[in-house]
Protein backbone atom coordinates (compact mmCIF):
# COMPACT_ATOMS: atom_id res chain seq x y z
CA MET A 1 -44.50 116.00 -13.27
CA ALA A 2 -44.43 116.55 -9.21
CA VAL A 3 -41.76 118.46 -7.69
CA GLY A 4 -41.00 115.96 -5.38
CA GLN A 5 -40.50 113.83 -8.48
CA ASN A 6 -38.58 116.44 -10.35
CA LYS A 7 -36.20 116.73 -7.35
CA THR A 8 -35.63 112.83 -7.49
CA GLU A 9 -34.44 113.06 -10.73
CA ILE A 10 -32.30 116.10 -10.01
CA GLY A 11 -30.62 113.80 -7.32
CA ILE A 12 -30.59 110.86 -9.62
CA LEU A 13 -28.59 113.23 -12.48
CA LYS A 14 -26.56 115.09 -10.13
CA GLU A 15 -25.28 111.66 -8.55
CA ILE A 16 -24.33 110.12 -12.44
CA ALA A 17 -22.73 113.40 -13.11
CA GLU A 18 -20.31 113.39 -10.43
CA LEU A 19 -19.28 109.60 -11.23
CA LEU A 20 -19.12 110.39 -15.03
CA ASN A 21 -16.80 114.01 -13.68
CA GLU A 22 -14.40 111.57 -11.70
CA GLY A 23 -13.85 109.02 -14.78
CA THR A 24 -10.41 109.05 -17.08
CA GLU A 25 -10.95 105.91 -18.49
CA ILE A 26 -13.76 104.64 -20.42
CA ARG A 27 -13.47 100.85 -20.06
CA ASN A 28 -13.34 101.52 -16.02
CA VAL A 29 -16.38 104.19 -15.52
CA LEU A 30 -19.38 102.66 -18.01
CA PRO A 31 -19.37 99.60 -15.82
CA GLU A 32 -19.08 101.61 -12.24
CA VAL A 33 -22.10 104.49 -13.94
CA LEU A 34 -24.34 101.51 -14.99
CA LYS A 35 -24.30 100.02 -11.91
CA LYS A 36 -25.10 103.04 -9.90
CA LEU A 37 -28.14 104.26 -12.44
CA LEU A 38 -29.72 100.55 -12.15
CA ASN A 39 -29.85 100.84 -8.57
CA ILE A 40 -30.82 104.36 -8.17
CA ILE A 41 -34.05 104.00 -10.80
CA GLY A 42 -34.91 100.38 -9.47
CA LEU A 43 -34.19 98.22 -12.59
CA GLU A 44 -32.17 95.15 -12.32
CA THR A 45 -30.69 94.52 -15.79
CA GLY A 46 -28.58 96.63 -17.97
CA TRP A 47 -25.75 96.60 -20.71
CA ILE A 48 -23.69 99.43 -22.83
CA PHE A 49 -22.66 98.75 -26.84
CA LEU A 50 -20.03 101.36 -27.60
CA ILE A 51 -20.33 101.65 -31.48
CA ASP A 52 -18.08 102.57 -34.14
CA LYS A 53 -17.87 104.63 -37.28
CA ASP A 54 -17.78 101.33 -39.20
CA GLY A 55 -20.90 99.66 -37.35
CA ASP A 56 -19.17 97.06 -35.56
CA PHE A 57 -20.20 96.94 -31.60
CA GLN A 58 -18.56 95.82 -28.13
CA LEU A 59 -20.09 95.00 -24.88
CA ALA A 60 -18.25 98.00 -22.73
CA ALA A 61 -20.45 97.18 -19.44
CA LYS A 62 -23.09 94.87 -17.78
CA ALA A 63 -25.16 94.10 -15.32
CA GLU A 64 -27.02 91.45 -13.72
CA LEU A 65 -27.34 89.39 -17.28
CA PRO A 66 -29.66 86.62 -17.07
CA PRO A 67 -27.47 83.16 -17.57
CA ALA A 68 -28.95 82.79 -21.20
CA LEU A 69 -27.05 86.13 -22.19
CA SER A 70 -23.96 85.40 -19.53
CA LEU A 71 -22.79 81.96 -22.04
CA ASP A 72 -19.20 81.31 -22.51
CA GLN A 73 -18.30 84.78 -21.36
CA TYR A 74 -21.17 86.64 -22.77
CA ALA A 75 -20.75 85.16 -25.92
CA PRO A 76 -24.27 86.00 -26.69
CA MET A 77 -23.95 89.87 -26.56
CA CYS A 78 -20.66 89.96 -28.60
CA SER A 79 -21.64 89.09 -32.02
CA GLY A 80 -24.47 88.61 -33.60
CA ASP A 81 -27.02 90.88 -35.09
CA CYS A 82 -30.36 92.67 -33.27
CA TRP A 83 -32.98 95.31 -33.44
CA CYS A 84 -31.28 98.03 -31.41
CA VAL A 85 -27.82 98.20 -32.94
CA ASP A 86 -29.39 97.54 -36.30
CA ARG A 87 -31.77 100.86 -35.54
CA PHE A 88 -28.51 102.77 -34.34
CA ASN A 89 -26.72 101.63 -37.10
CA ASP A 90 -29.20 103.10 -39.95
CA GLY A 91 -30.44 106.34 -37.83
CA ARG A 92 -33.72 105.39 -36.84
CA LEU A 93 -32.62 105.11 -32.94
CA ASN A 94 -32.75 109.16 -32.09
CA LYS A 95 -33.88 109.01 -28.32
CA ALA A 96 -35.03 107.25 -26.32
CA THR A 97 -37.14 104.17 -27.23
CA ASN A 98 -38.92 100.84 -26.36
CA ILE A 99 -37.89 98.02 -27.67
CA PHE A 100 -41.05 95.63 -27.93
CA GLU A 101 -38.61 92.58 -27.41
CA CYS A 102 -35.38 92.08 -27.15
CA LYS A 103 -33.97 90.02 -30.11
CA ARG A 104 -30.99 88.26 -27.88
CA ILE A 105 -33.44 86.62 -25.72
CA GLU A 106 -35.72 86.01 -28.16
CA ASP A 107 -33.14 83.68 -30.10
CA ALA A 108 -32.05 82.55 -26.30
CA ILE A 109 -35.80 81.52 -25.88
CA HIS A 110 -35.96 79.83 -29.60
CA HIS A 111 -32.72 77.90 -28.97
CA LYS A 112 -33.27 77.02 -25.51
CA THR A 113 -29.61 78.22 -24.48
CA GLY A 114 -30.28 79.40 -20.85
CA GLU A 115 -32.86 80.96 -18.62
CA THR A 116 -33.51 84.45 -19.31
CA ASN A 117 -34.89 85.24 -15.81
CA GLY A 118 -38.05 86.90 -16.75
CA LEU A 119 -36.60 89.41 -19.17
CA THR A 120 -37.92 90.00 -22.05
CA HIS A 121 -37.89 93.47 -23.19
CA HIS A 122 -36.00 96.53 -22.32
CA ALA A 123 -35.40 100.54 -23.04
CA THR A 124 -32.81 101.46 -25.77
CA VAL A 125 -31.52 104.99 -25.42
CA PRO A 126 -28.48 106.58 -27.86
CA LEU A 127 -24.85 107.54 -26.30
CA ARG A 128 -24.78 110.99 -27.69
CA ALA A 129 -23.39 114.37 -27.34
CA GLY A 130 -24.11 116.85 -30.00
CA ASP A 131 -24.34 115.18 -33.15
CA GLU A 132 -21.63 112.48 -32.53
CA LYS A 133 -23.22 109.01 -31.07
CA PHE A 134 -20.96 106.52 -29.17
CA GLY A 135 -23.41 103.72 -28.58
CA VAL A 136 -26.68 102.31 -26.98
CA LEU A 137 -27.68 102.16 -23.38
CA ASN A 138 -30.11 99.31 -22.71
CA VAL A 139 -32.13 98.82 -19.66
CA GLY A 140 -34.45 96.46 -18.42
CA SER A 141 -35.91 94.09 -15.45
CA PRO A 142 -37.79 90.86 -15.52
CA TYR A 143 -41.41 90.88 -16.43
CA LYS A 144 -41.26 94.93 -17.22
CA THR A 145 -42.49 95.23 -20.42
CA HIS A 146 -43.27 98.93 -21.08
CA PHE A 147 -41.39 102.53 -20.14
CA LYS A 148 -43.29 105.14 -19.39
CA ALA A 149 -42.62 108.64 -21.00
CA GLU A 150 -41.21 110.15 -17.85
CA GLU A 151 -38.90 107.25 -17.62
CA LEU A 152 -37.49 107.58 -21.31
CA ALA A 153 -36.79 111.18 -20.62
CA LEU A 154 -35.33 110.52 -17.66
CA LEU A 155 -32.70 107.54 -19.98
CA GLU A 156 -32.23 110.09 -22.29
CA ALA A 157 -30.56 112.67 -19.29
CA VAL A 158 -28.35 110.17 -18.53
CA ALA A 159 -27.45 108.97 -21.90
CA PHE A 160 -26.28 111.83 -22.94
CA GLN A 161 -24.71 112.62 -19.60
CA ILE A 162 -22.66 109.27 -20.35
CA GLY A 163 -22.19 110.54 -24.01
CA THR A 164 -20.81 114.00 -23.12
CA ALA A 165 -18.54 112.15 -20.94
CA ILE A 166 -17.43 109.85 -23.18
CA LYS A 167 -16.56 112.47 -25.46
CA ARG A 168 -14.14 114.20 -23.12
CA ILE A 169 -12.30 111.31 -21.93
CA ARG A 170 -11.64 110.47 -25.57
CA LEU A 171 -10.82 114.22 -26.52
CA THR A 172 -8.54 113.88 -23.18
CA GLN A 173 -6.82 110.66 -24.39
CA GLN A 174 -6.00 112.03 -27.75
CA GLU A 175 -4.41 115.36 -26.27
CA GLN A 176 -2.58 113.37 -23.94
CA GLU A 177 -1.09 111.07 -27.00
CA LEU A 178 -0.64 113.82 -29.05
CA ALA A 179 1.49 115.86 -25.81
CA LEU A 180 3.56 112.44 -25.45
CA ALA A 181 4.19 112.62 -29.47
CA ALA A 182 5.83 115.87 -29.08
CA GLU A 183 7.93 115.50 -26.18
CA ARG A 184 9.29 112.34 -27.74
CA ASN A 185 10.08 114.08 -31.26
CA ARG A 186 11.29 117.29 -28.97
CA LEU A 187 14.00 114.37 -26.94
CA ALA A 188 14.75 112.92 -30.07
CA ARG A 189 16.00 116.54 -31.24
CA ASP A 190 17.95 117.01 -28.35
CA LEU A 191 19.65 113.80 -28.76
CA HIS A 192 20.48 114.44 -32.29
CA ASP A 193 21.83 117.82 -31.47
CA SER A 194 23.66 117.44 -28.71
CA VAL A 195 24.49 114.11 -27.83
CA ASN A 196 24.72 112.55 -31.00
CA GLN A 197 26.95 115.32 -32.61
CA LEU A 198 29.18 115.12 -29.39
CA LEU A 199 29.39 111.16 -29.67
CA PHE A 200 30.51 111.92 -33.41
CA SER A 201 33.27 114.74 -32.34
CA LEU A 202 34.35 112.29 -30.00
CA SER A 203 35.22 109.60 -32.35
CA LEU A 204 36.67 112.29 -34.94
CA THR A 205 39.10 113.48 -32.20
CA ALA A 206 40.08 109.91 -30.81
CA ARG A 207 40.69 108.83 -34.78
CA ALA A 208 42.98 112.19 -34.95
CA GLY A 209 44.47 111.26 -31.75
CA ALA A 210 45.34 107.66 -33.18
CA GLU A 211 47.05 109.08 -36.23
CA MET A 212 49.31 111.27 -34.04
CA THR A 213 51.11 109.02 -32.42
CA ASP A 214 53.37 106.31 -32.55
CA ILE A 215 53.36 105.11 -29.41
CA PRO A 216 51.76 101.26 -29.53
CA ASN A 217 49.61 101.96 -25.92
CA ILE A 218 48.70 105.22 -26.53
CA LYS A 219 47.32 104.42 -30.31
CA ASP A 220 45.56 101.66 -29.11
CA THR A 221 43.66 103.88 -26.38
CA PHE A 222 42.79 106.24 -28.88
CA SER A 223 41.21 103.61 -31.38
CA TYR A 224 39.63 102.17 -28.01
CA ILE A 225 38.41 104.96 -27.45
CA GLN A 226 37.01 105.73 -31.17
CA ASP A 227 35.27 102.20 -31.18
CA LEU A 228 33.31 103.11 -27.80
CA ALA A 229 31.99 106.04 -29.71
CA GLN A 230 31.27 104.72 -32.86
CA LYS A 231 29.21 101.87 -30.77
CA ALA A 232 27.64 104.51 -28.52
CA GLN A 233 26.35 106.41 -31.70
CA GLY A 234 25.05 103.38 -33.07
CA GLU A 235 23.04 102.75 -29.88
CA MET A 236 22.50 106.25 -29.85
CA ARG A 237 20.73 106.15 -33.52
CA ALA A 238 18.56 103.11 -32.41
CA LEU A 239 17.26 105.14 -29.22
CA ILE A 240 16.31 107.95 -31.39
CA TRP A 241 14.31 105.83 -33.61
CA GLN A 242 12.42 104.48 -30.80
CA LEU A 243 11.52 108.09 -29.80
CA ARG A 244 10.91 109.55 -33.73
CA PRO A 245 9.93 106.81 -36.31
CA PHE A 246 11.39 108.37 -38.81
CA GLY A 247 9.74 106.58 -42.10
CA LEU A 248 6.58 105.80 -39.92
CA GLU A 249 4.56 107.98 -42.56
CA ASN A 250 5.38 105.91 -45.33
CA GLY A 251 3.75 102.70 -43.61
CA LEU A 252 4.52 100.60 -40.87
CA VAL A 253 6.62 97.72 -43.27
CA CYS A 254 8.67 100.58 -44.19
CA ALA A 255 9.67 101.76 -40.95
CA LEU A 256 10.54 98.27 -39.98
CA ALA A 257 12.65 97.37 -42.56
CA GLY A 258 14.24 100.27 -42.35
CA TYR A 259 15.22 100.05 -38.72
CA ALA A 260 16.27 96.78 -39.66
CA GLU A 261 18.70 98.35 -42.10
CA MET A 262 19.92 100.36 -39.48
CA ILE A 263 20.78 97.97 -36.91
CA GLY A 264 22.39 95.65 -39.77
CA LEU A 265 19.44 93.07 -40.11
CA SER A 266 18.51 91.36 -43.01
CA LEU A 267 14.88 91.27 -43.29
CA GLU A 268 12.17 89.53 -45.45
CA THR A 269 8.77 91.08 -45.75
CA GLU A 270 5.55 89.10 -46.25
CA VAL A 271 2.38 91.43 -46.75
CA LYS A 272 -1.30 90.48 -47.10
CA GLY A 273 -4.04 92.49 -47.08
CA VAL A 274 -2.83 95.49 -45.27
CA SER A 275 -4.42 99.11 -45.44
CA SER A 276 -4.28 102.10 -42.79
CA LEU A 277 -4.16 101.30 -39.87
CA PRO A 278 -5.61 103.10 -36.93
CA GLY A 279 -3.20 105.19 -35.06
CA LYS A 280 -2.88 103.42 -31.77
CA VAL A 281 -2.62 99.99 -33.52
CA GLU A 282 0.26 101.04 -35.98
CA GLU A 283 2.25 102.69 -33.07
CA ALA A 284 1.98 99.64 -30.50
CA LEU A 285 3.02 97.40 -33.85
CA TRP A 286 5.81 99.80 -34.57
CA ARG A 287 7.01 99.80 -31.04
CA ILE A 288 6.62 95.91 -30.43
CA GLY A 289 8.37 95.52 -33.66
CA GLN A 290 11.07 97.67 -33.04
CA GLU A 291 11.70 95.03 -29.80
CA ALA A 292 11.42 92.40 -31.65
CA LEU A 293 14.09 93.16 -33.98
CA ALA A 294 16.46 94.61 -31.14
CA ASN A 295 16.02 91.40 -29.47
CA CYS A 296 16.86 89.42 -32.99
CA LYS A 297 20.10 91.58 -33.66
CA LYS A 298 21.24 91.50 -29.63
CA HIS A 299 20.33 87.83 -28.79
CA SER A 300 19.35 85.35 -31.38
CA GLN A 301 22.44 84.93 -33.36
CA ALA A 302 19.83 85.27 -36.80
CA SER A 303 21.44 85.61 -40.09
CA SER A 304 17.79 86.29 -41.51
CA VAL A 305 14.12 87.63 -40.03
CA ILE A 306 10.73 87.38 -41.22
CA LEU A 307 8.22 89.83 -41.31
CA GLN A 308 4.65 89.18 -42.06
CA LEU A 309 2.06 90.98 -41.64
CA GLU A 310 -1.49 89.73 -42.26
CA ASN A 311 -4.87 92.27 -42.28
CA SER A 312 -8.61 91.03 -41.69
CA LYS A 313 -11.57 92.87 -40.77
CA GLU A 314 -11.48 92.08 -37.55
CA GLU A 315 -7.69 91.94 -36.82
CA ILE A 316 -4.14 92.44 -38.08
CA ARG A 317 -1.64 89.78 -36.93
CA MET A 318 2.13 90.70 -37.64
CA THR A 319 4.35 87.96 -37.01
CA ILE A 320 8.52 88.43 -36.49
CA LYS A 321 10.58 85.27 -36.93
CA ASP A 322 14.22 84.60 -37.12
CA ASP A 323 16.40 81.55 -37.80
CA GLY A 324 18.41 81.89 -34.67
CA CYS A 325 19.97 80.34 -31.44
CA GLY A 326 16.96 80.32 -29.81
CA PHE A 327 16.22 79.87 -25.80
CA VAL A 328 14.37 77.54 -23.28
CA PHE A 329 10.89 79.02 -22.80
CA ASP A 330 7.84 77.54 -21.08
CA PRO A 331 4.64 79.26 -21.59
CA GLU A 332 3.02 78.22 -18.21
CA LYS A 333 5.46 80.52 -16.33
CA ALA A 334 6.34 84.12 -16.67
CA ILE A 335 7.89 85.49 -19.69
CA PRO A 336 11.47 85.75 -18.87
CA SER A 337 12.99 89.46 -20.30
CA LEU A 338 11.76 92.98 -19.79
CA GLY A 339 11.57 93.99 -23.57
CA LEU A 340 9.10 90.30 -24.00
CA LYS A 341 6.92 91.62 -21.15
CA SER A 342 6.89 94.96 -22.72
CA MET A 343 5.59 93.45 -25.98
CA LYS A 344 2.83 91.73 -24.34
CA GLY A 345 1.81 94.20 -22.33
CA ARG A 346 1.47 96.41 -25.21
CA THR A 347 -0.56 93.83 -27.25
CA GLU A 348 -3.03 93.08 -24.43
CA ALA A 349 -3.99 96.96 -23.53
CA LEU A 350 -5.83 97.02 -26.95
CA GLY A 351 -7.53 93.86 -26.55
CA GLY A 352 -4.64 91.58 -28.30
CA LYS A 353 -3.22 88.26 -28.15
CA PHE A 354 0.51 87.98 -27.62
CA VAL A 355 2.31 84.61 -28.59
CA LEU A 356 5.98 83.40 -27.74
CA ASP A 357 6.85 80.11 -29.61
CA THR A 358 11.05 79.27 -29.13
CA SER A 359 13.34 76.77 -28.07
CA LEU A 360 16.64 75.93 -28.00
CA GLY A 361 18.27 76.11 -31.35
CA LYS A 362 14.79 76.25 -33.02
CA GLY A 363 14.62 80.04 -33.56
CA THR A 364 12.11 82.52 -32.22
CA GLU A 365 8.88 83.36 -33.56
CA ILE A 366 6.60 85.96 -32.35
CA SER A 367 3.44 87.18 -32.75
CA VAL A 368 0.81 89.93 -32.15
CA SER A 369 -2.74 89.66 -33.34
CA LEU A 370 -4.61 93.17 -32.38
CA PRO A 371 -8.45 94.10 -33.46
CA VAL A 372 -8.95 96.96 -35.74
């Protein structure tokens, strides 16, 4: 390899490394890195598949895909099988390699679904860090049918950088989640040991004061203070549950049933096909379920609430519906309450779908679907 070429490759790796080091969110950094890579090495088209341990893939980044691969919001890239993903999943893809023909392009040509803009081949590189593999990087250009050994070596070096960055970002996110959970647990303990105990003492003191006097006004005042203290205790217990979900270790349904019982709701559960859930998904459904049940208690005037949980290979769906008063809601307008907005935000943050169905006098139904 010539000295000038070596300097050029070092410069490319340096630019990619600088961009990766700035990234804190995988979904934001990968499109930028792909765009930068294609620009500085003179290729036109590229895409990145992230692949999980079950072999399921998602299109995490793409650049200048031809019309045949961009149909219906990139539907041809989001389903079906292809040679690069198959090779990754069966262990044959361990280094940068030429793919002689792109199966997705071949299918598009066969079915005449759109223009391919001369793209027929691409190079495929596994994204890895040590023994961990995260997906594949594919790059190509119109009418380019082969990649030289030095081109593949450069792509492999970049892919190692990307894989290492993915691992770093995921480890950082896990550390942040653990730190947040630890802080919630600490705050829950502090509230239970201090504020909750003070409210309990206040309730007992007010009760004793009411029993020690025969003066009606003073007795009523002490009774009122006792009622306030007991209501505040109830609110405090609900807050502690939200911070530290006791019972979640026994499963989502048990935790939500326990929460419903604590706030005085009659809950009927219907479960179909539910198994263990990813931590983020279970946590999100727990928080959404809490908020929905709290709304039922505070606003719906419902006599019964139904919780339905259904798990399939692709998604889990949770539905909470009541027979309460409902309210006027226009789906074309913004969601009216902060609690409902919070539920919708949690759902969409995990790539899910949130549906609210309600009308005055007809009850309310909230449906949340999350990919698993």
